[in-house]
Amino acid sequence: RITELETALESAKQQVSTATTVATSLNKKLNTAKDDDKMAHSDMQGKLTTLETELVSTKKERDTLQIKYDDMTEALQHSTAELEAQVIRLTEALAEKDSLIQDLQHKHDSEMMPLQRLVEKRDEEHSELSE
């Protein structure tokens, strides 16, 4: 009976030893998995931080570009208004110039008619005298 108990005890010791070895191996694997998870989490946290920094930078750049766009749009509108005013002034000046030219043409024509008649009369008299 003692031999049976000793054999059973030895068998139990071996099973405990095997279970301890398996438990130790599983514990090492669990610790390795935890370490891997911590490293992966740290890596992902670093990537997330980098992406957040890039996002903030991109938003600042977008805001800066929006301000520049708004400023350029405002300047363009101002320039357009100035150009439109210049076109109106030039159109008015051209109309005034055309009116002055017409006035001068009429004055020239009205002053030239009597002179033309005098020249024609002189030419007639000269012609008659020549004959």
C-alpha atoms as a PDB file:
ATOM      1  CA  ARG A   1       0.000   0.000   0.000  1.00  0.00           C
ATOM      2  CA  ILE A   2       2.879   2.429   0.826  1.00  0.00           C
ATOM      3  CA  THR A   3       4.469   1.641  -2.524  1.00  0.00           C
ATOM      4  CA  GLU A   4       1.235   2.551  -4.252  1.00  0.00           C
ATOM      5  CA  LEU A   5       1.045   5.768  -2.319  1.00  0.00           C
ATOM      6  CA  GLU A   6       4.687   6.540  -3.085  1.00  0.00           C
ATOM      7  CA  THR A   7       4.049   5.839  -6.784  1.00  0.00           C
ATOM      8  CA  ALA A   8       0.927   8.001  -6.713  1.00  0.00           C
ATOM      9  CA  LEU A   9       2.878  10.707  -4.878  1.00  0.00           C
ATOM     10  CA  GLU A  10       5.707  10.514  -7.437  1.00  0.00           C
ATOM     11  CA  SER A  11       3.161  10.680 -10.261  1.00  0.00           C
ATOM     12  CA  ALA A  12       1.474  13.661  -8.597  1.00  0.00           C
ATOM     13  CA  LYS A  13       4.899  15.366  -8.189  1.00  0.00           C
ATOM     14  CA  GLN A  14       5.578  14.843 -11.886  1.00  0.00           C
ATOM     15  CA  GLN A  15       2.164  16.192 -12.824  1.00  0.00           C
ATOM     16  CA  VAL A  16       2.750  19.219 -10.569  1.00  0.00           C
ATOM     17  CA  SER A  17       6.195  19.656 -12.132  1.00  0.00           C
ATOM     18  CA  THR A  18       4.740  19.393 -15.647  1.00  0.00           C
ATOM     19  CA  ALA A  19       1.914  21.780 -14.719  1.00  0.00           C
ATOM     20  CA  THR A  20       4.457  24.192 -13.197  1.00  0.00           C
ATOM     21  CA  THR A  21       6.585  24.025 -16.368  1.00  0.00           C
ATOM     22  CA  VAL A  22       3.507  24.621 -18.539  1.00  0.00           C
ATOM     23  CA  ALA A  23       2.340  27.440 -16.237  1.00  0.00           C
ATOM     24  CA  THR A  24       5.804  29.029 -16.311  1.00  0.00           C
ATOM     25  CA  SER A  25       5.897  28.777 -20.108  1.00  0.00           C
ATOM     26  CA  LEU A  26       2.404  30.254 -20.419  1.00  0.00           C
ATOM     27  CA  ASN A  27       3.323  33.010 -17.958  1.00  0.00           C
ATOM     28  CA  LYS A  28       6.423  33.878 -20.058  1.00  0.00           C
ATOM     29  CA  LYS A  29       4.285  33.915 -23.202  1.00  0.00           C
ATOM     30  CA  LEU A  30       1.699  36.096 -21.417  1.00  0.00           C
ATOM     31  CA  ASN A  31       4.422  38.517 -20.265  1.00  0.00           C
ATOM     32  CA  THR A  32       5.890  38.604 -23.797  1.00  0.00           C
ATOM     33  CA  ALA A  33       2.420  39.281 -25.216  1.00  0.00           C
ATOM     34  CA  LYS A  34       1.905  42.046 -22.621  1.00  0.00           C
ATOM     35  CA  ASP A  35       5.282  43.582 -23.512  1.00  0.00           C
ATOM     36  CA  ASP A  36       4.437  43.361 -27.231  1.00  0.00           C
ATOM     37  CA  ASP A  37       1.056  44.960 -26.532  1.00  0.00           C
ATOM     38  CA  LYS A  38       2.717  47.765 -24.527  1.00  0.00           C
ATOM     39  CA  MET A  39       5.196  48.397 -27.350  1.00  0.00           C
ATOM     40  CA  ALA A  40       2.443  48.343 -29.963  1.00  0.00           C
ATOM     41  CA  HIS A  41       0.326  50.668 -27.808  1.00  0.00           C
ATOM     42  CA  SER A  42       3.293  53.005 -27.327  1.00  0.00           C
ATOM     43  CA  ASP A  43       4.020  52.918 -31.083  1.00  0.00           C
ATOM     44  CA  MET A  44       0.380  53.641 -31.917  1.00  0.00           C
ATOM     45  CA  GLN A  45       0.308  56.428 -29.312  1.00  0.00           C
ATOM     46  CA  GLY A  46       3.404  57.944 -30.943  1.00  0.00           C
ATOM     47  CA  LYS A  47       1.815  57.719 -34.382  1.00  0.00           C
ATOM     48  CA  LEU A  48      -1.410  59.237 -33.033  1.00  0.00           C
ATOM     49  CA  THR A  49       0.549  62.104 -31.464  1.00  0.00           C
ATOM     50  CA  THR A  50       2.366  62.669 -34.771  1.00  0.00           C
ATOM     51  CA  LEU A  51      -0.940  62.675 -36.678  1.00  0.00           C
ATOM     52  CA  GLU A  52      -2.481  65.092 -34.163  1.00  0.00           C
ATOM     53  CA  THR A  53       0.529  67.409 -34.548  1.00  0.00           C
ATOM     54  CA  GLU A  54       0.253  67.214 -38.351  1.00  0.00           C
ATOM     55  CA  LEU A  55      -3.489  67.902 -38.113  1.00  0.00           C
ATOM     56  CA  VAL A  56      -2.906  71.004 -35.986  1.00  0.00           C
ATOM     57  CA  SER A  57      -0.206  72.154 -38.413  1.00  0.00           C
ATOM     58  CA  THR A  58      -2.468  71.506 -41.412  1.00  0.00           C
ATOM     59  CA  LYS A  59      -5.328  73.420 -39.771  1.00  0.00           C
ATOM     60  CA  LYS A  60      -3.003  76.372 -39.066  1.00  0.00           C
ATOM     61  CA  GLU A  61      -1.770  76.279 -42.664  1.00  0.00           C
ATOM     62  CA  ARG A  62      -5.366  76.116 -43.921  1.00  0.00           C
ATOM     63  CA  ASP A  63      -6.315  79.072 -41.727  1.00  0.00           C
ATOM     64  CA  THR A  64      -3.303  81.046 -42.990  1.00  0.00           C
ATOM     65  CA  LEU A  65      -4.204  80.234 -46.600  1.00  0.00           C
ATOM     66  CA  GLN A  66      -7.827  81.218 -45.959  1.00  0.00           C
ATOM     67  CA  ILE A  67      -6.691  84.583 -44.578  1.00  0.00           C
ATOM     68  CA  LYS A  68      -4.434  85.098 -47.615  1.00  0.00           C
ATOM     69  CA  TYR A  69      -7.294  84.099 -49.938  1.00  0.00           C
ATOM     70  CA  ASP A  70      -9.676  86.492 -48.189  1.00  0.00           C
ATOM     71  CA  ASP A  71      -7.100  89.308 -48.363  1.00  0.00           C
ATOM     72  CA  MET A  72      -6.451  88.636 -52.058  1.00  0.00           C
ATOM     73  CA  THR A  73     -10.182  88.490 -52.785  1.00  0.00           C
ATOM     74  CA  GLU A  74     -10.702  91.796 -51.008  1.00  0.00           C
ATOM     75  CA  ALA A  75      -7.768  93.377 -52.874  1.00  0.00           C
ATOM     76  CA  LEU A  76      -9.114  92.031 -56.173  1.00  0.00           C
ATOM     77  CA  GLN A  77     -12.550  93.455 -55.454  1.00  0.00           C
ATOM     78  CA  HIS A  78     -10.979  96.816 -54.575  1.00  0.00           C
ATOM     79  CA  SER A  79      -8.844  96.766 -57.743  1.00  0.00           C
ATOM     80  CA  THR A  80     -11.880  95.803 -59.818  1.00  0.00           C
ATOM     81  CA  ALA A  81     -13.853  98.706 -58.364  1.00  0.00           C
ATOM     82  CA  GLU A  82     -10.961 101.080 -59.112  1.00  0.00           C
ATOM     83  CA  LEU A  83     -10.673  99.761 -62.675  1.00  0.00           C
ATOM     84  CA  GLU A  84     -14.415 100.121 -63.207  1.00  0.00           C
ATOM     85  CA  ALA A  85     -14.224 103.727 -61.980  1.00  0.00           C
ATOM     86  CA  GLN A  86     -11.271 104.377 -64.333  1.00  0.00           C
ATOM     87  CA  VAL A  87     -13.194 102.873 -67.258  1.00  0.00           C
ATOM     88  CA  ILE A  88     -16.140 105.158 -66.469  1.00  0.00           C
ATOM     89  CA  ARG A  89     -13.844 108.211 -66.255  1.00  0.00           C
ATOM     90  CA  LEU A  90     -12.081 107.258 -69.507  1.00  0.00           C
ATOM     91  CA  THR A  91     -15.401 106.673 -71.267  1.00  0.00           C
ATOM     92  CA  GLU A  92     -16.625 110.072 -70.095  1.00  0.00           C
ATOM     93  CA  ALA A  93     -13.337 111.687 -71.185  1.00  0.00           C
ATOM     94  CA  LEU A  94     -13.593 110.032 -74.623  1.00  0.00           C
ATOM     95  CA  ALA A  95     -17.187 111.218 -75.001  1.00  0.00           C
ATOM     96  CA  GLU A  96     -16.108 114.744 -74.045  1.00  0.00           C
ATOM     97  CA  LYS A  97     -13.187 114.548 -76.517  1.00  0.00           C
ATOM     98  CA  ASP A  98     -15.515 113.359 -79.292  1.00  0.00           C
ATOM     99  CA  SER A  99     -17.899 116.218 -78.501  1.00  0.00           C
ATOM    100  CA  LEU A 100     -15.031 118.734 -78.608  1.00  0.00           C
ATOM    101  CA  ILE A 101     -13.831 117.289 -81.916  1.00  0.00           C
ATOM    102  CA  GLN A 102     -17.351 117.601 -83.367  1.00  0.00           C
ATOM    103  CA  ASP A 103     -17.624 121.170 -82.058  1.00  0.00           C
ATOM    104  CA  LEU A 104     -14.255 122.028 -83.599  1.00  0.00           C
ATOM    105  CA  GLN A 105     -15.256 120.347 -86.871  1.00  0.00           C
ATOM    106  CA  HIS A 106     -18.497 122.356 -87.015  1.00  0.00           C
ATOM    107  CA  LYS A 107     -16.632 125.562 -86.167  1.00  0.00           C
ATOM    108  CA  HIS A 108     -13.997 124.746 -88.784  1.00  0.00           C
ATOM    109  CA  ASP A 109     -16.652 123.981 -91.377  1.00  0.00           C
ATOM    110  CA  SER A 110     -18.640 127.139 -90.571  1.00  0.00           C
ATOM    111  CA  GLU A 111     -15.505 129.314 -90.746  1.00  0.00           C
ATOM    112  CA  MET A 112     -14.220 127.620 -93.897  1.00  0.00           C
ATOM    113  CA  MET A 113     -17.431 128.053 -95.919  1.00  0.00           C
ATOM    114  CA  PRO A 114     -17.145 131.849 -96.211  1.00  0.00           C
ATOM    115  CA  LEU A 115     -13.428 131.466 -96.946  1.00  0.00           C
ATOM    116  CA  GLN A 116     -14.196 128.817 -99.548  1.00  0.00           C
ATOM    117  CA  ARG A 117     -16.721 131.126-101.176  1.00  0.00           C
ATOM    118  CA  LEU A 118     -14.202 133.938-101.175  1.00  0.00           C
ATOM    119  CA  VAL A 119     -11.624 131.671-102.801  1.00  0.00           C
ATOM    120  CA  GLU A 120     -14.161 130.530-105.388  1.00  0.00           C
ATOM    121  CA  LYS A 121     -15.157 134.133-106.062  1.00  0.00           C
ATOM    122  CA  ARG A 122     -11.530 135.159-106.354  1.00  0.00           C
ATOM    123  CA  ASP A 123     -10.856 132.246-108.700  1.00  0.00           C
ATOM    124  CA  GLU A 124     -13.835 133.268-110.843  1.00  0.00           C
ATOM    125  CA  GLU A 125     -12.687 136.864-110.978  1.00  0.00           C
ATOM    126  CA  HIS A 126      -9.168 135.781-111.746  1.00  0.00           C
ATOM    127  CA  SER A 127     -10.474 133.524-114.471  1.00  0.00           C
ATOM    128  CA  GLU A 128     -12.579 136.314-115.943  1.00  0.00           C
ATOM    129  CA  LEU A 129      -9.631 138.634-115.880  1.00  0.00           C
ATOM    130  CA  SER A 130      -7.492 136.066-117.572  1.00  0.00           C
ATOM    131  CA  GLU A 131      -9.957 135.710-120.408  1.00  0.00           C
END
